[in-house]
N, C-alpha and C. Protein backbone atom coordinates (compact mmCIF):
# COMPACT_ATOMS: atom_id res chain seq x y z
N MET A 1 28.83 56.52 175.90
CA MET A 1 28.93 56.47 174.46
C MET A 1 27.91 55.48 173.96
N ASP A 2 27.05 55.91 173.09
CA ASP A 2 26.10 55.01 172.48
C ASP A 2 26.81 54.21 171.40
N VAL A 3 26.20 53.10 171.03
CA VAL A 3 26.81 52.23 170.03
C VAL A 3 25.75 51.77 169.07
N ASP A 4 26.20 51.35 167.87
CA ASP A 4 25.30 50.65 166.97
C ASP A 4 24.97 49.32 167.61
N GLN A 5 23.74 48.93 167.57
CA GLN A 5 23.34 47.65 168.15
C GLN A 5 24.10 46.52 167.46
N PRO A 6 24.49 45.49 168.22
CA PRO A 6 25.15 44.36 167.60
C PRO A 6 24.23 43.74 166.55
N SER A 7 24.80 43.40 165.44
CA SER A 7 24.00 42.77 164.40
C SER A 7 24.85 41.76 163.65
N HIS A 8 24.21 40.94 162.90
CA HIS A 8 24.92 39.94 162.11
C HIS A 8 24.95 40.43 160.67
N THR A 9 25.98 41.18 160.34
CA THR A 9 26.08 41.79 159.02
C THR A 9 26.86 40.92 158.05
N GLY A 10 27.46 39.86 158.54
CA GLY A 10 28.31 39.05 157.68
C GLY A 10 29.74 39.57 157.64
N GLU A 11 30.00 40.70 158.28
CA GLU A 11 31.35 41.23 158.35
C GLU A 11 32.01 40.77 159.64
N PHE A 12 33.31 40.62 159.58
CA PHE A 12 34.06 40.20 160.75
C PHE A 12 35.27 41.10 160.91
N ILE A 13 35.58 41.44 162.14
CA ILE A 13 36.82 42.16 162.42
C ILE A 13 37.82 41.10 162.85
N ALA A 14 38.86 40.97 162.10
CA ALA A 14 39.83 39.90 162.28
C ALA A 14 40.88 40.29 163.32
N LEU A 15 40.55 40.11 164.58
CA LEU A 15 41.48 40.31 165.68
C LEU A 15 41.45 39.06 166.55
N PRO A 16 42.59 38.62 167.06
CA PRO A 16 42.60 37.39 167.85
C PRO A 16 41.93 37.57 169.21
N SER A 17 41.16 36.55 169.60
CA SER A 17 40.54 36.50 170.91
C SER A 17 40.38 35.04 171.29
N LYS A 18 40.58 34.73 172.56
CA LYS A 18 40.35 33.36 173.04
C LYS A 18 38.88 33.11 173.33
N ASP A 19 38.07 34.16 173.27
CA ASP A 19 36.64 34.06 173.56
C ASP A 19 35.87 33.80 172.26
N PRO A 20 35.26 32.64 172.11
CA PRO A 20 34.52 32.34 170.87
C PRO A 20 33.28 33.20 170.71
N ARG A 21 32.86 33.88 171.77
CA ARG A 21 31.69 34.76 171.69
C ARG A 21 32.07 36.23 171.53
N ALA A 22 33.34 36.52 171.29
CA ALA A 22 33.78 37.91 171.12
C ALA A 22 33.00 38.56 169.99
N TYR A 23 32.76 39.87 170.14
CA TYR A 23 32.00 40.61 169.13
C TYR A 23 32.54 42.03 169.03
N ALA A 24 32.17 42.70 167.94
CA ALA A 24 32.57 44.09 167.71
C ALA A 24 31.33 44.96 167.66
N ILE A 25 31.46 46.17 168.17
CA ILE A 25 30.38 47.14 168.12
C ILE A 25 30.97 48.48 167.66
N LYS A 26 30.26 49.12 166.74
CA LYS A 26 30.67 50.44 166.27
C LYS A 26 30.16 51.49 167.26
N CYS A 27 31.06 52.37 167.68
CA CYS A 27 30.72 53.38 168.68
C CYS A 27 30.23 54.67 168.02
N LEU A 28 29.29 55.32 168.70
CA LEU A 28 28.74 56.61 168.28
C LEU A 28 28.86 57.56 169.46
N GLY A 29 28.81 58.84 169.23
CA GLY A 29 28.81 59.79 170.34
C GLY A 29 30.20 60.10 170.86
N LEU A 30 30.25 61.04 171.82
CA LEU A 30 31.53 61.56 172.30
C LEU A 30 31.79 61.32 173.78
N SER A 31 30.98 60.50 174.45
CA SER A 31 31.15 60.36 175.90
C SER A 31 32.47 59.72 176.31
N MET A 32 33.10 58.97 175.42
CA MET A 32 34.37 58.32 175.75
C MET A 32 35.56 58.99 175.05
N ALA A 33 35.32 60.12 174.39
CA ALA A 33 36.40 60.84 173.71
C ALA A 33 37.30 61.51 174.75
N PRO A 34 38.58 61.58 174.52
CA PRO A 34 39.26 61.21 173.28
C PRO A 34 39.70 59.75 173.20
N ARG A 35 39.45 58.96 174.24
CA ARG A 35 39.90 57.56 174.24
C ARG A 35 39.25 56.75 173.11
N ILE A 36 37.94 56.89 172.94
CA ILE A 36 37.21 56.19 171.88
C ILE A 36 36.45 57.25 171.09
N GLN A 37 36.67 57.28 169.79
CA GLN A 37 36.07 58.28 168.91
C GLN A 37 34.86 57.70 168.18
N PRO A 38 33.90 58.55 167.79
CA PRO A 38 32.78 58.07 166.98
C PRO A 38 33.30 57.39 165.70
N GLY A 39 32.69 56.27 165.35
CA GLY A 39 33.10 55.52 164.17
C GLY A 39 34.12 54.43 164.45
N GLU A 40 34.70 54.44 165.64
CA GLU A 40 35.63 53.37 166.00
C GLU A 40 34.84 52.17 166.50
N TYR A 41 35.47 51.02 166.47
CA TYR A 41 34.86 49.79 166.97
C TYR A 41 35.54 49.37 168.26
N VAL A 42 34.77 48.76 169.13
CA VAL A 42 35.36 48.09 170.28
C VAL A 42 35.08 46.60 170.13
N ILE A 43 36.05 45.81 170.55
CA ILE A 43 35.93 44.36 170.55
C ILE A 43 35.72 43.94 172.00
N ALA A 44 34.63 43.22 172.28
CA ALA A 44 34.31 42.82 173.65
C ALA A 44 34.34 41.31 173.79
N GLU A 45 34.67 40.86 174.99
CA GLU A 45 34.76 39.43 175.31
C GLU A 45 33.77 39.08 176.43
N PRO A 46 32.60 38.53 176.08
CA PRO A 46 31.59 38.24 177.10
C PRO A 46 31.95 37.12 178.07
N ASN A 47 32.90 36.28 177.75
CA ASN A 47 33.26 35.17 178.65
C ASN A 47 34.31 35.56 179.68
N ARG A 48 34.68 36.84 179.73
CA ARG A 48 35.65 37.32 180.70
C ARG A 48 34.96 38.27 181.67
N GLU A 49 35.34 38.24 182.91
CA GLU A 49 34.78 39.14 183.92
C GLU A 49 35.48 40.50 183.85
N PRO A 50 34.72 41.59 183.86
CA PRO A 50 35.37 42.90 183.87
C PRO A 50 35.99 43.21 185.22
N GLU A 51 37.02 44.03 185.20
CA GLU A 51 37.68 44.48 186.41
C GLU A 51 37.64 45.99 186.47
N PRO A 52 37.66 46.57 187.66
CA PRO A 52 37.67 48.03 187.75
C PRO A 52 38.77 48.63 186.88
N GLY A 53 38.41 49.68 186.14
CA GLY A 53 39.35 50.33 185.22
C GLY A 53 39.18 49.89 183.79
N ASP A 54 38.52 48.74 183.55
CA ASP A 54 38.28 48.26 182.19
C ASP A 54 37.24 49.13 181.50
N GLU A 55 37.40 49.32 180.18
CA GLU A 55 36.28 49.80 179.39
C GLU A 55 35.36 48.60 179.22
N VAL A 56 34.05 48.85 179.24
CA VAL A 56 33.08 47.77 179.15
C VAL A 56 31.94 48.16 178.22
N VAL A 57 31.30 47.12 177.66
CA VAL A 57 30.05 47.29 176.93
C VAL A 57 28.95 46.87 177.90
N VAL A 58 27.99 47.75 178.14
CA VAL A 58 26.91 47.49 179.08
C VAL A 58 25.58 47.45 178.32
N PHE A 59 24.83 46.38 178.53
CA PHE A 59 23.50 46.23 177.96
C PHE A 59 22.52 46.36 179.12
N ASP A 60 21.55 47.30 179.01
CA ASP A 60 20.57 47.40 180.08
C ASP A 60 19.26 46.73 179.67
N VAL A 61 18.35 46.60 180.60
CA VAL A 61 17.09 45.87 180.36
C VAL A 61 16.16 46.63 179.42
N ASN A 62 16.44 47.92 179.17
CA ASN A 62 15.61 48.72 178.26
C ASN A 62 16.14 48.72 176.83
N GLY A 63 17.19 47.93 176.58
CA GLY A 63 17.74 47.84 175.23
C GLY A 63 18.86 48.83 174.94
N ARG A 64 19.21 49.64 175.91
CA ARG A 64 20.32 50.58 175.71
C ARG A 64 21.64 49.83 175.77
N VAL A 65 22.56 50.22 174.90
CA VAL A 65 23.90 49.65 174.87
C VAL A 65 24.87 50.82 174.95
N MET A 66 25.84 50.73 175.86
CA MET A 66 26.79 51.83 176.01
C MET A 66 28.18 51.29 176.31
N VAL A 67 29.16 52.10 175.98
CA VAL A 67 30.56 51.81 176.33
C VAL A 67 30.97 52.84 177.36
N LYS A 68 31.50 52.37 178.48
CA LYS A 68 31.96 53.24 179.57
C LYS A 68 33.16 52.59 180.25
N ARG A 69 33.78 53.32 181.17
CA ARG A 69 34.83 52.73 182.02
C ARG A 69 34.15 52.23 183.29
N TYR A 70 34.42 50.95 183.60
CA TYR A 70 33.86 50.30 184.78
C TYR A 70 34.65 50.78 186.00
N LEU A 71 33.94 51.40 186.95
CA LEU A 71 34.60 51.89 188.16
C LEU A 71 34.46 50.90 189.31
N TYR A 72 33.22 50.69 189.79
CA TYR A 72 33.02 49.80 190.94
C TYR A 72 31.53 49.54 191.15
N TRP A 73 31.25 48.54 192.01
CA TRP A 73 29.91 48.25 192.51
C TRP A 73 29.82 48.75 193.95
N ARG A 74 28.68 49.38 194.29
CA ARG A 74 28.43 49.75 195.68
C ARG A 74 26.92 49.74 195.88
N ASP A 75 26.48 49.08 196.97
CA ASP A 75 25.05 49.03 197.31
C ASP A 75 24.19 48.60 196.12
N ASP A 76 24.63 47.54 195.42
CA ASP A 76 23.91 46.98 194.27
C ASP A 76 23.73 47.97 193.12
N GLN A 77 24.69 48.90 193.00
CA GLN A 77 24.68 49.83 191.88
C GLN A 77 26.05 49.81 191.20
N LEU A 78 26.01 49.85 189.88
CA LEU A 78 27.22 49.86 189.08
C LEU A 78 27.56 51.31 188.73
N TYR A 79 28.80 51.71 189.02
CA TYR A 79 29.26 53.05 188.73
C TYR A 79 30.15 53.00 187.49
N LEU A 80 29.79 53.80 186.49
CA LEU A 80 30.48 53.83 185.20
C LEU A 80 30.94 55.25 184.91
N GLN A 81 32.10 55.36 184.29
CA GLN A 81 32.69 56.67 184.00
C GLN A 81 32.65 56.97 182.52
N SER A 82 32.27 58.19 182.20
CA SER A 82 32.45 58.74 180.85
C SER A 82 33.81 59.43 180.84
N ILE A 83 34.62 59.18 179.85
CA ILE A 83 35.95 59.79 179.79
C ILE A 83 35.84 61.29 179.50
N ASN A 84 34.93 61.67 178.62
CA ASN A 84 34.70 63.06 178.28
C ASN A 84 34.12 63.77 179.51
N LYS A 85 34.82 64.76 180.01
CA LYS A 85 34.42 65.46 181.24
C LYS A 85 33.11 66.23 181.08
N ASP A 86 32.67 66.48 179.83
CA ASP A 86 31.41 67.19 179.58
C ASP A 86 30.20 66.26 179.61
N VAL A 87 30.43 64.97 179.79
CA VAL A 87 29.35 63.98 179.81
C VAL A 87 29.30 63.35 181.21
N ALA A 88 28.10 63.28 181.76
CA ALA A 88 27.93 62.75 183.12
C ALA A 88 28.28 61.27 183.21
N ASN A 89 28.78 60.88 184.37
CA ASN A 89 28.98 59.46 184.66
C ASN A 89 27.61 58.80 184.79
N VAL A 90 27.59 57.47 184.82
CA VAL A 90 26.33 56.71 184.86
C VAL A 90 26.34 55.81 186.08
N ILE A 91 25.21 55.75 186.76
CA ILE A 91 25.02 54.81 187.87
C ILE A 91 23.80 53.98 187.53
N LEU A 92 23.97 52.65 187.49
CA LEU A 92 22.87 51.75 187.14
C LEU A 92 22.61 50.76 188.27
N PRO A 93 21.36 50.59 188.67
CA PRO A 93 21.03 49.54 189.63
C PRO A 93 21.26 48.16 189.01
N ARG A 94 21.67 47.21 189.82
CA ARG A 94 21.98 45.86 189.34
C ARG A 94 20.83 45.26 188.54
N ASP A 95 19.58 45.50 188.97
CA ASP A 95 18.44 44.88 188.30
C ASP A 95 18.11 45.52 186.95
N GLU A 96 18.81 46.58 186.57
CA GLU A 96 18.62 47.19 185.25
C GLU A 96 19.70 46.78 184.26
N ILE A 97 20.67 45.97 184.72
CA ILE A 97 21.77 45.54 183.85
C ILE A 97 21.49 44.14 183.33
N ARG A 98 21.48 44.02 182.02
CA ARG A 98 21.30 42.71 181.40
C ARG A 98 22.64 41.98 181.24
N ASP A 99 23.68 42.74 180.86
CA ASP A 99 25.00 42.13 180.67
C ASP A 99 26.06 43.23 180.69
N ILE A 100 27.27 42.83 181.06
CA ILE A 100 28.41 43.75 181.05
C ILE A 100 29.63 42.94 180.59
N ASN A 101 30.28 43.43 179.52
CA ASN A 101 31.38 42.69 178.91
C ASN A 101 32.61 43.59 178.78
N PRO A 102 33.78 43.10 179.19
CA PRO A 102 35.00 43.90 179.07
C PRO A 102 35.43 44.07 177.62
N VAL A 103 36.01 45.22 177.33
CA VAL A 103 36.53 45.53 176.00
C VAL A 103 37.95 44.99 175.89
N LEU A 104 38.19 44.23 174.84
CA LEU A 104 39.52 43.68 174.56
C LEU A 104 40.37 44.69 173.79
N ALA A 105 39.76 45.38 172.82
CA ALA A 105 40.52 46.26 171.94
C ALA A 105 39.63 47.37 171.40
N ILE A 106 40.28 48.46 171.06
CA ILE A 106 39.64 49.57 170.37
C ILE A 106 40.28 49.63 168.99
N VAL A 107 39.47 49.61 167.96
CA VAL A 107 39.99 49.66 166.59
C VAL A 107 39.73 51.07 166.04
N PRO A 108 40.79 51.88 165.89
CA PRO A 108 40.62 53.25 165.38
C PRO A 108 40.01 53.26 163.98
N ARG A 109 39.30 54.34 163.67
CA ARG A 109 38.62 54.46 162.37
C ARG A 109 39.56 54.22 161.21
N ARG A 110 40.77 54.75 161.28
CA ARG A 110 41.69 54.64 160.14
C ARG A 110 42.12 53.21 159.87
N PHE A 111 41.94 52.31 160.87
CA PHE A 111 42.33 50.92 160.69
C PHE A 111 41.16 49.98 160.44
N VAL A 112 39.94 50.49 160.56
CA VAL A 112 38.77 49.62 160.44
C VAL A 112 38.77 48.88 159.11
N LYS A 113 39.09 49.56 158.00
CA LYS A 113 39.09 48.91 156.69
C LYS A 113 40.09 47.75 156.64
N ASN A 114 41.20 47.88 157.39
CA ASN A 114 42.22 46.83 157.40
C ASN A 114 41.78 45.59 158.16
N PHE A 115 40.81 45.73 159.09
CA PHE A 115 40.43 44.61 159.93
C PHE A 115 39.11 43.96 159.55
N ILE A 116 38.28 44.65 158.78
CA ILE A 116 37.00 44.04 158.40
C ILE A 116 37.21 43.18 157.18
N ASP A 117 36.80 41.92 157.30
CA ASP A 117 36.90 40.98 156.16
C ASP A 117 35.72 41.18 155.22
């Protein structure tokens, strides 16, 4: 699932997190449907380590940002799952990953207006 690049818009999604670096990203595309729909936001916590089974935000060295399910590492490659069976899973070499952050929450489209200050 592609996402809108993180930006400083002056808007905040008011959800509790113990991570002072937590951020929200608006999701685009259907690779994580039906779990995450286009227009929904995910809240990620960069100070927490992801665990297998977590949804994660992955930043690669080419500037791509995606949300996927973190499966496992093998032979210095990260295996990521697309929930939508019509979209291929992703395998990324370790040296192509800039950062990987676990998702704390998914904010459905119908609730976004309630959470953005």
